Amino acid sequence: MRQKRSRLRKYYHRGAIPKKDNEGSSYIEYDDPVAFTAEEWAAGGKLQAEMYGQRLPNIRNLRVTGDYCEVFFSGKSQGYQIENGPFFQAGDGVCLYVGPEDEPDYKIVAVYPYRLLTLEVEHV
C-alpha cells in the first residue's frame, strides 16, 4: 500500500525510561525526541470499538514510513527499529500535537508489524 505524501506529517518519538525516586516510587522519564514521518487517523471500526470501548475517542492510529526490523532481547520481541529512525515499543511517548521539547501527549498502546509499521497511541 502506498502512502499519499499529502497525508504524511512529521511527529516525534520519545522513548520511556522507567525511574525510581528517593522514596522508591516509580515514574517515567522520556528520552530525547527523534523525528519520524507517519500517516495519522482516528481509531474506529468494530474491532477497535470492542477493544477500547469508552477509550476509543482517545485512540489514534499511525502508519510509519520506512523499513523496520524486529528487535529481540532474551529471545523475545521487545520492539521495532525503523531504519535511520526511532526504536518503537509499547509505553513510549509520541508528540502528535505538542512540540518535541514538551512532554509527549500520547503513549504507544500497541505496535503492529504489518507491511508498514502501525502504531496505536492513546492520549495521556
PDB file of N, CA and C in Angstrom:
ATOM      1  N   MET A   1       0.839  -1.165   0.000  1.00  0.00           N
ATOM      2  CA  MET A   1       0.000   0.000   0.000  1.00  0.00           C
ATOM      3  C   MET A   1       0.891   1.237   0.000  1.00  0.00           C
ATOM      4  N   ARG A   2       0.573   2.150  -0.872  1.00  0.00           N
ATOM      5  CA  ARG A   2       1.323   3.397  -0.962  1.00  0.00           C
ATOM      6  C   ARG A   2       0.748   4.431  -0.009  1.00  0.00           C
ATOM      7  N   GLN A   3       1.619   5.255   0.516  1.00  0.00           N
ATOM      8  CA  GLN A   3       1.148   6.344   1.363  1.00  0.00           C
ATOM      9  C   GLN A   3       1.119   7.628   0.542  1.00  0.00           C
ATOM     10  N   LYS A   4       0.057   8.366   0.684  1.00  0.00           N
ATOM     11  CA  LYS A   4      -0.102   9.625  -0.030  1.00  0.00           C
ATOM     12  C   LYS A   4       0.733  10.695   0.675  1.00  0.00           C
ATOM     13  N   ARG A   5       1.594  11.361  -0.062  1.00  0.00           N
ATOM     14  CA  ARG A   5       2.503  12.348   0.539  1.00  0.00           C
ATOM     15  C   ARG A   5       1.765  13.465   1.260  1.00  0.00           C
ATOM     16  N   SER A   6       0.608  13.854   0.760  1.00  0.00           N
ATOM     17  CA  SER A   6      -0.122  14.960   1.373  1.00  0.00           C
ATOM     18  C   SER A   6      -0.646  14.595   2.761  1.00  0.00           C
ATOM     19  N   ARG A   7      -0.742  13.296   3.080  1.00  0.00           N
ATOM     20  CA  ARG A   7      -1.232  12.865   4.389  1.00  0.00           C
ATOM     21  C   ARG A   7      -0.103  12.605   5.383  1.00  0.00           C
ATOM     22  N   LEU A   8       1.139  12.655   4.936  1.00  0.00           N
ATOM     23  CA  LEU A   8       2.278  12.387   5.820  1.00  0.00           C
ATOM     24  C   LEU A   8       2.631  13.632   6.624  1.00  0.00           C
ATOM     25  N   ARG A   9       2.890  13.433   7.893  1.00  0.00           N
ATOM     26  CA  ARG A   9       3.287  14.521   8.788  1.00  0.00           C
ATOM     27  C   ARG A   9       4.509  14.083   9.592  1.00  0.00           C
ATOM     28  N   LYS A  10       5.189  15.054  10.138  1.00  0.00           N
ATOM     29  CA  LYS A  10       6.368  14.789  10.966  1.00  0.00           C
ATOM     30  C   LYS A  10       5.942  14.774  12.432  1.00  0.00           C
ATOM     31  N   TYR A  11       6.296  13.708  13.137  1.00  0.00           N
ATOM     32  CA  TYR A  11       5.995  13.559  14.558  1.00  0.00           C
ATOM     33  C   TYR A  11       7.299  13.242  15.286  1.00  0.00           C
ATOM     34  N   TYR A  12       7.230  13.233  16.613  1.00  0.00           N
ATOM     35  CA  TYR A  12       8.421  12.967  17.409  1.00  0.00           C
ATOM     36  C   TYR A  12       8.169  11.831  18.388  1.00  0.00           C
ATOM     37  N   HIS A  13       9.118  10.907  18.431  1.00  0.00           N
ATOM     38  CA  HIS A  13       9.068   9.759  19.344  1.00  0.00           C
ATOM     39  C   HIS A  13       9.995  10.054  20.512  1.00  0.00           C
ATOM     40  N   ARG A  14       9.523   9.727  21.726  1.00  0.00           N
ATOM     41  CA  ARG A  14      10.360   9.893  22.919  1.00  0.00           C
ATOM     42  C   ARG A  14      10.288   8.597  23.720  1.00  0.00           C
ATOM     43  N   GLY A  15      11.410   7.897  23.784  1.00  0.00           N
ATOM     44  CA  GLY A  15      11.478   6.618  24.484  1.00  0.00           C
ATOM     45  C   GLY A  15      11.237   6.778  25.981  1.00  0.00           C
ATOM     46  N   ALA A  16      10.487   5.846  26.565  1.00  0.00           N
ATOM     47  CA  ALA A  16      10.182   5.875  28.002  1.00  0.00           C
ATOM     48  C   ALA A  16      11.327   5.240  28.778  1.00  0.00           C
ATOM     49  N   ILE A  17      11.746   5.904  29.842  1.00  0.00           N
ATOM     50  CA  ILE A  17      12.794   5.393  30.714  1.00  0.00           C
ATOM     51  C   ILE A  17      12.205   5.289  32.119  1.00  0.00           C
ATOM     52  N   PRO A  18      11.938   4.060  32.608  1.00  0.00           N
ATOM     53  CA  PRO A  18      11.396   3.924  33.969  1.00  0.00           C
ATOM     54  C   PRO A  18      12.460   4.285  35.011  1.00  0.00           C
ATOM     55  N   LYS A  19      12.076   5.085  35.993  1.00  0.00           N
ATOM     56  CA  LYS A  19      12.999   5.528  37.052  1.00  0.00           C
ATOM     57  C   LYS A  19      12.322   5.381  38.402  1.00  0.00           C
ATOM     58  N   LYS A  20      13.125   5.465  39.469  1.00  0.00           N
ATOM     59  CA  LYS A  20      12.606   5.462  40.842  1.00  0.00           C
ATOM     60  C   LYS A  20      13.173   6.669  41.573  1.00  0.00           C
ATOM     61  N   ASP A  21      12.332   7.280  42.414  1.00  0.00           N
ATOM     62  CA  ASP A  21      12.804   8.424  43.196  1.00  0.00           C
ATOM     63  C   ASP A  21      13.381   7.939  44.528  1.00  0.00           C
ATOM     64  N   ASN A  22      13.754   8.876  45.393  1.00  0.00           N
ATOM     65  CA  ASN A  22      14.385   8.552  46.680  1.00  0.00           C
ATOM     66  C   ASN A  22      13.501   7.679  47.566  1.00  0.00           C
ATOM     67  N   GLU A  23      12.186   7.820  47.441  1.00  0.00           N
ATOM     68  CA  GLU A  23      11.259   7.086  48.292  1.00  0.00           C
ATOM     69  C   GLU A  23      10.827   5.757  47.691  1.00  0.00           C
ATOM     70  N   GLY A  24      11.353   5.410  46.521  1.00  0.00           N
ATOM     71  CA  GLY A  24      11.034   4.135  45.890  1.00  0.00           C
ATOM     72  C   GLY A  24       9.836   4.151  44.967  1.00  0.00           C
ATOM     73  N   SER A  25       9.253   5.319  44.736  1.00  0.00           N
ATOM     74  CA  SER A  25       8.112   5.424  43.817  1.00  0.00           C
ATOM     75  C   SER A  25       8.610   5.408  42.368  1.00  0.00           C
ATOM     76  N   SER A  26       7.865   4.757  41.500  1.00  0.00           N
ATOM     77  CA  SER A  26       8.240   4.686  40.086  1.00  0.00           C
ATOM     78  C   SER A  26       7.653   5.867  39.326  1.00  0.00           C
ATOM     79  N   TYR A  27       8.383   6.300  38.332  1.00  0.00           N
ATOM     80  CA  TYR A  27       7.885   7.318  37.421  1.00  0.00           C
ATOM     81  C   TYR A  27       8.574   7.135  36.075  1.00  0.00           C
ATOM     82  N   ILE A  28       8.021   7.775  35.055  1.00  0.00           N
ATOM     83  CA  ILE A  28       8.551   7.656  33.697  1.00  0.00           C
ATOM     84  C   ILE A  28       9.206   8.972  33.297  1.00  0.00           C
ATOM     85  N   GLU A  29      10.408   8.852  32.785  1.00  0.00           N
ATOM     86  CA  GLU A  29      11.122   9.981  32.218  1.00  0.00           C
ATOM     87  C   GLU A  29      11.272   9.685  30.732  1.00  0.00           C
ATOM     88  N   TYR A  30      11.294  10.716  29.898  1.00  0.00           N
ATOM     89  CA  TYR A  30      11.343  10.493  28.464  1.00  0.00           C
ATOM     90  C   TYR A  30      12.685  10.903  27.879  1.00  0.00           C
ATOM     91  N   ASP A  31      13.142  10.099  26.918  1.00  0.00           N
ATOM     92  CA  ASP A  31      14.402  10.305  26.213  1.00  0.00           C
ATOM     93  C   ASP A  31      14.280  11.512  25.279  1.00  0.00           C
ATOM     94  N   ASP A  32      15.371  11.849  24.602  1.00  0.00           N
ATOM     95  CA  ASP A  32      15.365  12.945  23.639  1.00  0.00           C
ATOM     96  C   ASP A  32      14.460  12.612  22.456  1.00  0.00           C
ATOM     97  N   PRO A  33      13.825  13.618  21.845  1.00  0.00           N
ATOM     98  CA  PRO A  33      12.917  13.359  20.723  1.00  0.00           C
ATOM     99  C   PRO A  33      13.662  12.942  19.458  1.00  0.00           C
ATOM    100  N   VAL A  34      13.051  11.997  18.733  1.00  0.00           N
ATOM    101  CA  VAL A  34      13.569  11.547  17.437  1.00  0.00           C
ATOM    102  C   VAL A  34      12.428  11.699  16.431  1.00  0.00           C
ATOM    103  N   ALA A  35      12.683  12.394  15.327  1.00  0.00           N
ATOM    104  CA  ALA A  35      11.653  12.667  14.331  1.00  0.00           C
ATOM    105  C   ALA A  35      11.377  11.437  13.466  1.00  0.00           C
ATOM    106  N   PHE A  36      10.119  11.295  13.060  1.00  0.00           N
ATOM    107  CA  PHE A  36       9.713  10.271  12.098  1.00  0.00           C
ATOM    108  C   PHE A  36       8.493  10.792  11.352  1.00  0.00           C
ATOM    109  N   THR A  37       8.229  10.229  10.189  1.00  0.00           N
ATOM    110  CA  THR A  37       7.053  10.638   9.422  1.00  0.00           C
ATOM    111  C   THR A  37       6.031   9.511   9.421  1.00  0.00           C
ATOM    112  N   ALA A  38       4.777   9.896   9.496  1.00  0.00           N
ATOM    113  CA  ALA A  38       3.704   8.906   9.558  1.00  0.00           C
ATOM    114  C   ALA A  38       2.403   9.520   9.061  1.00  0.00           C
ATOM    115  N   GLU A  39       1.487   8.620   8.736  1.00  0.00           N
ATOM    116  CA  GLU A  39       0.123   8.984   8.379  1.00  0.00           C
ATOM    117  C   GLU A  39      -0.725   8.727   9.628  1.00  0.00           C
ATOM    118  N   GLU A  40      -1.593   9.659   9.984  1.00  0.00           N
ATOM    119  CA  GLU A  40      -2.347   9.561  11.242  1.00  0.00           C
ATOM    120  C   GLU A  40      -3.837   9.658  10.974  1.00  0.00           C
ATOM    121  N   TRP A  41      -4.626   8.847  11.699  1.00  0.00           N
ATOM    122  CA  TRP A  41      -6.088   8.917  11.583  1.00  0.00           C
ATOM    123  C   TRP A  41      -6.726   8.446  12.882  1.00  0.00           C
ATOM    124  N   ALA A  42      -7.984   8.793  13.058  1.00  0.00           N
ATOM    125  CA  ALA A  42      -8.715   8.439  14.274  1.00  0.00           C
ATOM    126  C   ALA A  42      -9.038   6.951  14.286  1.00  0.00           C
ATOM    127  N   ALA A  43      -9.066   6.376  15.483  1.00  0.00           N
ATOM    128  CA  ALA A  43      -9.431   4.973  15.629  1.00  0.00           C
ATOM    129  C   ALA A  43     -10.924   4.817  15.365  1.00  0.00           C
ATOM    130  N   GLY A  44     -11.288   3.663  14.870  1.00  0.00           N
ATOM    131  CA  GLY A  44     -12.689   3.408  14.594  1.00  0.00           C
ATOM    132  C   GLY A  44     -12.881   1.981  14.130  1.00  0.00           C
ATOM    133  N   GLY A  45     -14.095   1.647  13.820  1.00  0.00           N
ATOM    134  CA  GLY A  45     -14.386   0.300  13.365  1.00  0.00           C
ATOM    135  C   GLY A  45     -14.817  -0.599  14.510  1.00  0.00           C
ATOM    136  N   LYS A  46     -15.369  -1.717  14.146  1.00  0.00           N
ATOM    137  CA  LYS A  46     -15.924  -2.639  15.133  1.00  0.00           C
ATOM    138  C   LYS A  46     -14.849  -3.216  16.060  1.00  0.00           C
ATOM    139  N   LEU A  47     -13.716  -3.636  15.490  1.00  0.00           N
ATOM    140  CA  LEU A  47     -12.668  -4.261  16.293  1.00  0.00           C
ATOM    141  C   LEU A  47     -12.099  -3.300  17.327  1.00  0.00           C
ATOM    142  N   GLN A  48     -11.730  -2.092  16.910  1.00  0.00           N
ATOM    143  CA  GLN A  48     -11.158  -1.138  17.859  1.00  0.00           C
ATOM    144  C   GLN A  48     -12.203  -0.673  18.867  1.00  0.00           C
ATOM    145  N   ALA A  49     -13.449  -0.567  18.464  1.00  0.00           N
ATOM    146  CA  ALA A  49     -14.505  -0.193  19.411  1.00  0.00           C
ATOM    147  C   ALA A  49     -14.657  -1.273  20.475  1.00  0.00           C
ATOM    148  N   GLU A  50     -14.538  -2.536  20.071  1.00  0.00           N
ATOM    149  CA  GLU A  50     -14.618  -3.644  21.020  1.00  0.00           C
ATOM    150  C   GLU A  50     -13.415  -3.657  21.962  1.00  0.00           C
ATOM    151  N   MET A  51     -12.230  -3.386  21.414  1.00  0.00           N
ATOM    152  CA  MET A  51     -11.001  -3.417  22.211  1.00  0.00           C
ATOM    153  C   MET A  51     -10.933  -2.276  23.229  1.00  0.00           C
ATOM    154  N   TYR A  52     -11.294  -1.069  22.808  1.00  0.00           N
ATOM    155  CA  TYR A  52     -11.069   0.106  23.642  1.00  0.00           C
ATOM    156  C   TYR A  52     -12.327   0.670  24.291  1.00  0.00           C
ATOM    157  N   GLY A  53     -13.486   0.330  23.813  1.00  0.00           N
ATOM    158  CA  GLY A  53     -14.735   0.772  24.435  1.00  0.00           C
ATOM    159  C   GLY A  53     -14.818   2.273  24.602  1.00  0.00           C
ATOM    160  N   GLN A  54     -14.975   2.726  25.854  1.00  0.00           N
ATOM    161  CA  GLN A  54     -15.118   4.154  26.160  1.00  0.00           C
ATOM    162  C   GLN A  54     -13.860   4.957  25.850  1.00  0.00           C
ATOM    163  N   ARG A  55     -12.710   4.290  25.765  1.00  0.00           N
ATOM    164  CA  ARG A  55     -11.442   4.978  25.489  1.00  0.00           C
ATOM    165  C   ARG A  55     -11.246   5.277  24.001  1.00  0.00           C
ATOM    166  N   LEU A  56     -12.128   4.781  23.136  1.00  0.00           N
ATOM    167  CA  LEU A  56     -11.961   4.908  21.683  1.00  0.00           C
ATOM    168  C   LEU A  56     -11.718   6.343  21.206  1.00  0.00           C
ATOM    169  N   PRO A  57     -12.404   7.367  21.728  1.00  0.00           N
ATOM    170  CA  PRO A  57     -12.133   8.733  21.251  1.00  0.00           C
ATOM    171  C   PRO A  57     -10.704   9.212  21.541  1.00  0.00           C
ATOM    172  N   ASN A  58     -10.014   8.573  22.479  1.00  0.00           N
ATOM    173  CA  ASN A  58      -8.650   8.970  22.826  1.00  0.00           C
ATOM    174  C   ASN A  58      -7.587   8.229  22.029  1.00  0.00           C
ATOM    175  N   ILE A  59      -7.980   7.310  21.150  1.00  0.00           N
ATOM    176  CA  ILE A  59      -7.034   6.475  20.404  1.00  0.00           C
ATOM    177  C   ILE A  59      -6.839   7.029  18.996  1.00  0.00           C
ATOM    178  N   ARG A  60      -5.593   7.057  18.545  1.00  0.00           N
ATOM    179  CA  ARG A  60      -5.232   7.440  17.180  1.00  0.00           C
ATOM    180  C   ARG A  60      -4.375   6.318  16.594  1.00  0.00           C
ATOM    181  N   ASN A  61      -4.385   6.190  15.275  1.00  0.00           N
ATOM    182  CA  ASN A  61      -3.553   5.215  14.571  1.00  0.00           C
ATOM    183  C   ASN A  61      -2.474   5.953  13.797  1.00  0.00           C
ATOM    184  N   LEU A  62      -1.280   5.381  13.767  1.00  0.00           N
ATOM    185  CA  LEU A  62      -0.178   5.947  12.991  1.00  0.00           C
ATOM    186  C   LEU A  62       0.413   4.856  12.102  1.00  0.00           C
ATOM    187  N   ARG A  63       0.582   5.139  10.822  1.00  0.00           N
ATOM    188  CA  ARG A  63       1.262   4.229   9.912  1.00  0.00           C
ATOM    189  C   ARG A  63       2.594   4.881   9.571  1.00  0.00           C
ATOM    190  N   VAL A  64       3.681   4.294  10.081  1.00  0.00           N
ATOM    191  CA  VAL A  64       5.016   4.884   9.996  1.00  0.00           C
ATOM    192  C   VAL A  64       5.671   4.550   8.663  1.00  0.00           C
ATOM    193  N   THR A  65       6.328   5.542   8.057  1.00  0.00           N
ATOM    194  CA  THR A  65       7.047   5.307   6.802  1.00  0.00           C
ATOM    195  C   THR A  65       8.424   4.743   7.109  1.00  0.00           C
ATOM    196  N   GLY A  66       8.943   3.964   6.193  1.00  0.00           N
ATOM    197  CA  GLY A  66      10.291   3.431   6.318  1.00  0.00           C
ATOM    198  C   GLY A  66      10.323   1.945   6.615  1.00  0.00           C
ATOM    199  N   ASP A  67      11.453   1.333   6.289  1.00  0.00           N
ATOM    200  CA  ASP A  67      11.656  -0.082   6.573  1.00  0.00           C
ATOM    201  C   ASP A  67      11.955  -0.257   8.050  1.00  0.00           C
ATOM    202  N   TYR A  68      11.572  -1.406   8.586  1.00  0.00           N
ATOM    203  CA  TYR A  68      11.794  -1.680  10.000  1.00  0.00           C
ATOM    204  C   TYR A  68      12.247  -3.111  10.195  1.00  0.00           C
ATOM    205  N   CYS A  69      12.813  -3.384  11.363  1.00  0.00           N
ATOM    206  CA  CYS A  69      13.168  -4.748  11.724  1.00  0.00           C
ATOM    207  C   CYS A  69      12.783  -4.969  13.187  1.00  0.00           C
ATOM    208  N   GLU A  70      12.452  -6.206  13.491  1.00  0.00           N
ATOM    209  CA  GLU A  70      12.058  -6.570  14.846  1.00  0.00           C
ATOM    210  C   GLU A  70      13.317  -6.770  15.677  1.00  0.00           C
ATOM    211  N   VAL A  71      13.314  -6.255  16.906  1.00  0.00           N
ATOM    212  CA  VAL A  71      14.473  -6.358  17.788  1.00  0.00           C
ATOM    213  C   VAL A  71      14.126  -7.303  18.931  1.00  0.00           C
ATOM    214  N   PHE A  72      15.012  -8.271  19.170  1.00  0.00           N
ATOM    215  CA  PHE A  72      14.800  -9.276  20.216  1.00  0.00           C
ATOM    216  C   PHE A  72      15.801  -9.073  21.351  1.00  0.00           C
ATOM    217  N   PHE A  73      15.325  -9.217  22.595  1.00  0.00           N
ATOM    218  CA  PHE A  73      16.164  -9.251  23.788  1.00  0.00           C
ATOM    219  C   PHE A  73      15.764 -10.481  24.567  1.00  0.00           C
ATOM    220  N   SER A  74      16.704 -11.279  24.987  1.00  0.00           N
ATOM    221  CA  SER A  74      16.436 -12.506  25.754  1.00  0.00           C
ATOM    222  C   SER A  74      15.476 -13.437  25.027  1.00  0.00           C
ATOM    223  N   GLY A  75      15.569 -13.508  23.716  1.00  0.00           N
ATOM    224  CA  GLY A  75      14.761 -14.434  22.938  1.00  0.00           C
ATOM    225  C   GLY A  75      13.339 -14.013  22.663  1.00  0.00           C
ATOM    226  N   LYS A  76      12.895 -12.862  23.196  1.00  0.00           N
ATOM    227  CA  LYS A  76      11.531 -12.441  22.889  1.00  0.00           C
ATOM    228  C   LYS A  76      11.526 -11.028  22.325  1.00  0.00           C
ATOM    229  N   SER A  77      10.530 -10.754  21.491  1.00  0.00           N
ATOM    230  CA  SER A  77      10.442  -9.474  20.807  1.00  0.00           C
ATOM    231  C   SER A  77      10.241  -8.339  21.805  1.00  0.00           C
ATOM    232  N   GLN A  78      10.997  -7.277  21.630  1.00  0.00           N
ATOM    233  CA  GLN A  78      10.884  -6.125  22.515  1.00  0.00           C
ATOM    234  C   GLN A  78      10.431  -4.862  21.807  1.00  0.00           C
ATOM    235  N   GLY A  79      10.604  -4.803  20.490  1.00  0.00           N
ATOM    236  CA  GLY A  79      10.201  -3.599  19.780  1.00  0.00           C
ATOM    237  C   GLY A  79      10.621  -3.644  18.329  1.00  0.00           C
ATOM    238  N   TYR A  80      10.514  -2.490  17.670  1.00  0.00           N
ATOM    239  CA  TYR A  80      10.792  -2.383  16.246  1.00  0.00           C
ATOM    240  C   TYR A  80      11.658  -1.171  15.984  1.00  0.00           C
ATOM    241  N   GLN A  81      12.732  -1.378  15.218  1.00  0.00           N
ATOM    242  CA  GLN A  81      13.671  -0.322  14.873  1.00  0.00           C
ATOM    243  C   GLN A  81      13.413   0.124  13.445  1.00  0.00           C
ATOM    244  N   ILE A  82      13.126   1.411  13.270  1.00  0.00           N
ATOM    245  CA  ILE A  82      12.961   1.987  11.938  1.00  0.00           C
ATOM    246  C   ILE A  82      14.352   2.305  11.404  1.00  0.00           C
ATOM    247  N   GLU A  83      14.571   2.007  10.128  1.00  0.00           N
ATOM    248  CA  GLU A  83      15.858   2.296   9.510  1.00  0.00           C
ATOM    249  C   GLU A  83      16.122   3.801   9.574  1.00  0.00           C
ATOM    250  N   ASN A  84      17.226   4.201  10.164  1.00  0.00           N
ATOM    251  CA  ASN A  84      17.600   5.609  10.362  1.00  0.00           C
ATOM    252  C   ASN A  84      16.523   6.370  11.130  1.00  0.00           C
ATOM    253  N   GLY A  85      15.930   5.726  12.120  1.00  0.00           N
ATOM    254  CA  GLY A  85      14.871   6.372  12.886  1.00  0.00           C
ATOM    255  C   GLY A  85      14.770   5.815  14.285  1.00  0.00           C
ATOM    256  N   PRO A  86      13.635   6.035  14.934  1.00  0.00           N
ATOM    257  CA  PRO A  86      13.474   5.632  16.334  1.00  0.00           C
ATOM    258  C   PRO A  86      13.208   4.142  16.521  1.00  0.00           C
ATOM    259  N   PHE A  87      13.342   3.710  17.762  1.00  0.00           N
ATOM    260  CA  PHE A  87      13.024   2.354  18.204  1.00  0.00           C
ATOM    261  C   PHE A  87      11.688   2.420  18.927  1.00  0.00           C
ATOM    262  N   PHE A  88      10.659   1.761  18.375  1.00  0.00           N
ATOM    263  CA  PHE A  88       9.309   1.816  18.931  1.00  0.00           C
ATOM    264  C   PHE A  88       9.024   0.603  19.804  1.00  0.00           C
ATOM    265  N   GLN A  89       8.432   0.856  20.970  1.00  0.00           N
ATOM    266  CA  GLN A  89       7.903  -0.213  21.813  1.00  0.00           C
ATOM    267  C   GLN A  89       6.746   0.346  22.624  1.00  0.00           C
ATOM    268  N   ALA A  90       5.892  -0.545  23.104  1.00  0.00           N
ATOM    269  CA  ALA A  90       4.726  -0.119  23.876  1.00  0.00           C
ATOM    270  C   ALA A  90       5.170   0.655  25.113  1.00  0.00           C
ATOM    271  N   GLY A  91       4.455   1.727  25.420  1.00  0.00           N
ATOM    272  CA  GLY A  91       4.760   2.546  26.588  1.00  0.00           C
ATOM    273  C   GLY A  91       5.557   3.800  26.275  1.00  0.00           C
ATOM    274  N   ASP A  92       6.178   3.872  25.100  1.00  0.00           N
ATOM    275  CA  ASP A  92       6.935   5.061  24.722  1.00  0.00           C
ATOM    276  C   ASP A  92       5.992   6.222  24.448  1.00  0.00           C
ATOM    277  N   GLY A  93       6.525   7.431  24.450  1.00  0.00           N
ATOM    278  CA  GLY A  93       5.729   8.621  24.195  1.00  0.00           C
ATOM    279  C   GLY A  93       5.838   9.086  22.755  1.00  0.00           C
ATOM    280  N   VAL A  94       4.768   9.709  22.262  1.00  0.00           N
ATOM    281  CA  VAL A  94       4.747  10.285  20.918  1.00  0.00           C
ATOM    282  C   VAL A  94       4.165  11.693  21.014  1.00  0.00           C
ATOM    283  N   CYS A  95       4.836  12.645  20.396  1.00  0.00           N
ATOM    284  CA  CYS A  95       4.363  14.034  20.370  1.00  0.00           C
ATOM    285  C   CYS A  95       3.581  14.247  19.078  1.00  0.00           C
ATOM    286  N   LEU A  96       2.248  14.226  19.176  1.00  0.00           N
ATOM    287  CA  LEU A  96       1.407  14.444  17.993  1.00  0.00           C
ATOM    288  C   LEU A  96       1.020  15.903  17.857  1.00  0.00           C
ATOM    289  N   TYR A  97       0.522  16.493  18.934  1.00  0.00           N
ATOM    290  CA  TYR A  97       0.004  17.864  18.879  1.00  0.00           C
ATOM    291  C   TYR A  97       0.781  18.829  19.768  1.00  0.00           C
ATOM    292  N   VAL A  98       1.932  18.409  20.251  1.00  0.00           N
ATOM    293  CA  VAL A  98       2.808  19.281  21.032  1.00  0.00           C
ATOM    294  C   VAL A  98       4.186  19.278  20.383  1.00  0.00           C
ATOM    295  N   GLY A  99       5.003  20.235  20.759  1.00  0.00           N
ATOM    296  CA  GLY A  99       6.347  20.317  20.213  1.00  0.00           C
ATOM    297  C   GLY A  99       7.263  19.245  20.790  1.00  0.00           C
ATOM    298  N   PRO A 100       8.410  19.015  20.156  1.00  0.00           N
ATOM    299  CA  PRO A 100       9.319  17.964  20.605  1.00  0.00           C
ATOM    300  C   PRO A 100       9.941  18.231  21.978  1.00  0.00           C
ATOM    301  N   GLU A 101       9.973  19.489  22.405  1.00  0.00           N
ATOM    302  CA  GLU A 101      10.578  19.806  23.705  1.00  0.00           C
ATOM    303  C   GLU A 101       9.599  19.592  24.865  1.00  0.00           C
ATOM    304  N   ASP A 102       8.306  19.439  24.569  1.00  0.00           N
ATOM    305  CA  ASP A 102       7.286  19.224  25.600  1.00  0.00           C
ATOM    306  C   ASP A 102       7.164  17.745  25.948  1.00  0.00           C
ATOM    307  N   GLU A 103       6.450  17.474  27.057  1.00  0.00           N
ATOM    308  CA  GLU A 103       6.139  16.091  27.426  1.00  0.00           C
ATOM    309  C   GLU A 103       5.231  15.506  26.343  1.00  0.00           C
ATOM    310  N   PRO A 104       5.390  14.218  26.004  1.00  0.00           N
ATOM    311  CA  PRO A 104       4.537  13.612  24.980  1.00  0.00           C
ATOM    312  C   PRO A 104       3.060  13.657  25.368  1.00  0.00           C
ATOM    313  N   ASP A 105       2.196  13.906  24.394  1.00  0.00           N
ATOM    314  CA  ASP A 105       0.767  13.943  24.670  1.00  0.00           C
ATOM    315  C   ASP A 105       0.084  12.604  24.390  1.00  0.00           C
ATOM    316  N   TYR A 106       0.792  11.666  23.761  1.00  0.00           N
ATOM    317  CA  TYR A 106       0.261  10.329  23.503  1.00  0.00           C
ATOM    318  C   TYR A 106       1.294   9.292  23.906  1.00  0.00           C
ATOM    319  N   LYS A 107       0.815   8.087  24.270  1.00  0.00           N
ATOM    320  CA  LYS A 107       1.736   6.987  24.535  1.00  0.00           C
ATOM    321  C   LYS A 107       1.337   5.802  23.660  1.00  0.00           C
ATOM    322  N   ILE A 108       2.323   5.008  23.274  1.00  0.00           N
ATOM    323  CA  ILE A 108       2.087   3.865  22.397  1.00  0.00           C
ATOM    324  C   ILE A 108       1.420   2.753  23.182  1.00  0.00           C
ATOM    325  N   VAL A 109       0.263   2.299  22.696  1.00  0.00           N
ATOM    326  CA  VAL A 109      -0.501   1.225  23.327  1.00  0.00           C
ATOM    327  C   VAL A 109      -0.169  -0.106  22.663  1.00  0.00           C
ATOM    328  N   ALA A 110      -0.041  -0.105  21.338  1.00  0.00           N
ATOM    329  CA  ALA A 110       0.225  -1.336  20.588  1.00  0.00           C
ATOM    330  C   ALA A 110       1.036  -1.016  19.336  1.00  0.00           C
ATOM    331  N   VAL A 111       1.874  -1.999  18.936  1.00  0.00           N
ATOM    332  CA  VAL A 111       2.671  -1.887  17.718  1.00  0.00           C
ATOM    333  C   VAL A 111       2.360  -3.109  16.862  1.00  0.00           C
ATOM    334  N   TYR A 112       1.967  -2.874  15.608  1.00  0.00           N
ATOM    335  CA  TYR A 112       1.609  -3.966  14.707  1.00  0.00           C
ATOM    336  C   TYR A 112       2.570  -4.008  13.524  1.00  0.00           C
ATOM    337  N   PRO A 113       3.242  -5.133  13.310  1.00  0.00           N
ATOM    338  CA  PRO A 113       4.213  -5.246  12.210  1.00  0.00           C
ATOM    339  C   PRO A 113       3.565  -5.651  10.890  1.00  0.00           C
ATOM    340  N   TYR A 114       2.724  -4.788  10.346  1.00  0.00           N
ATOM    341  CA  TYR A 114       2.151  -5.031   9.029  1.00  0.00           C
ATOM    342  C   TYR A 114       3.191  -4.638   7.993  1.00  0.00           C
ATOM    343  N   ARG A 115       2.792  -4.541   6.736  1.00  0.00           N
ATOM    344  CA  ARG A 115       3.741  -4.144   5.687  1.00  0.00           C
ATOM    345  C   ARG A 115       4.426  -2.830   6.068  1.00  0.00           C
ATOM    346  N   LEU A 116       3.626  -1.893   6.546  1.00  0.00           N
ATOM    347  CA  LEU A 116       4.176  -0.662   7.142  1.00  0.00           C
ATOM    348  C   LEU A 116       3.891  -0.746   8.639  1.00  0.00           C
ATOM    349  N   LEU A 117       4.845  -0.368   9.449  1.00  0.00           N
ATOM    350  CA  LEU A 117       4.682  -0.445  10.895  1.00  0.00           C
ATOM    351  C   LEU A 117       3.514   0.439  11.332  1.00  0.00           C
ATOM    352  N   THR A 118       2.581  -0.131  12.087  1.00  0.00           N
ATOM    353  CA  THR A 118       1.396   0.591  12.518  1.00  0.00           C
ATOM    354  C   THR A 118       1.356   0.679  14.041  1.00  0.00           C
ATOM    355  N   LEU A 119       1.110   1.873  14.544  1.00  0.00           N
ATOM    356  CA  LEU A 119       1.058   2.110  15.984  1.00  0.00           C
ATOM    357  C   LEU A 119      -0.343   2.530  16.388  1.00  0.00           C
ATOM    358  N   GLU A 120      -0.771   2.087  17.557  1.00  0.00           N
ATOM    359  CA  GLU A 120      -1.984   2.623  18.179  1.00  0.00           C
ATOM    360  C   GLU A 120      -1.497   3.418  19.371  1.00  0.00           C
ATOM    361  N   VAL A 121      -1.889   4.685  19.436  1.00  0.00           N
ATOM    362  CA  VAL A 121      -1.463   5.555  20.525  1.00  0.00           C
ATOM    363  C   VAL A 121      -2.677   6.091  21.261  1.00  0.00           C
ATOM    364  N   GLU A 122      -2.511   6.312  22.560  1.00  0.00           N
ATOM    365  CA  GLU A 122      -3.619   6.805  23.396  1.00  0.00           C
ATOM    366  C   GLU A 122      -3.218   8.111  24.059  1.00  0.00           C
ATOM    367  N   HIS A 123      -4.178   9.041  24.109  1.00  0.00           N
ATOM    368  CA  HIS A 123      -3.938  10.337  24.755  1.00  0.00           C
ATOM    369  C   HIS A 123      -3.635  10.139  26.231  1.00  0.00           C
ATOM    370  N   VAL A 124      -2.627  10.842  26.713  1.00  0.00           N
ATOM    371  CA  VAL A 124      -2.222  10.703  28.125  1.00  0.00           C
ATOM    372  C   VAL A 124      -3.091  11.596  28.988  1.00  0.00           C
TER     373      VAL A 124
END
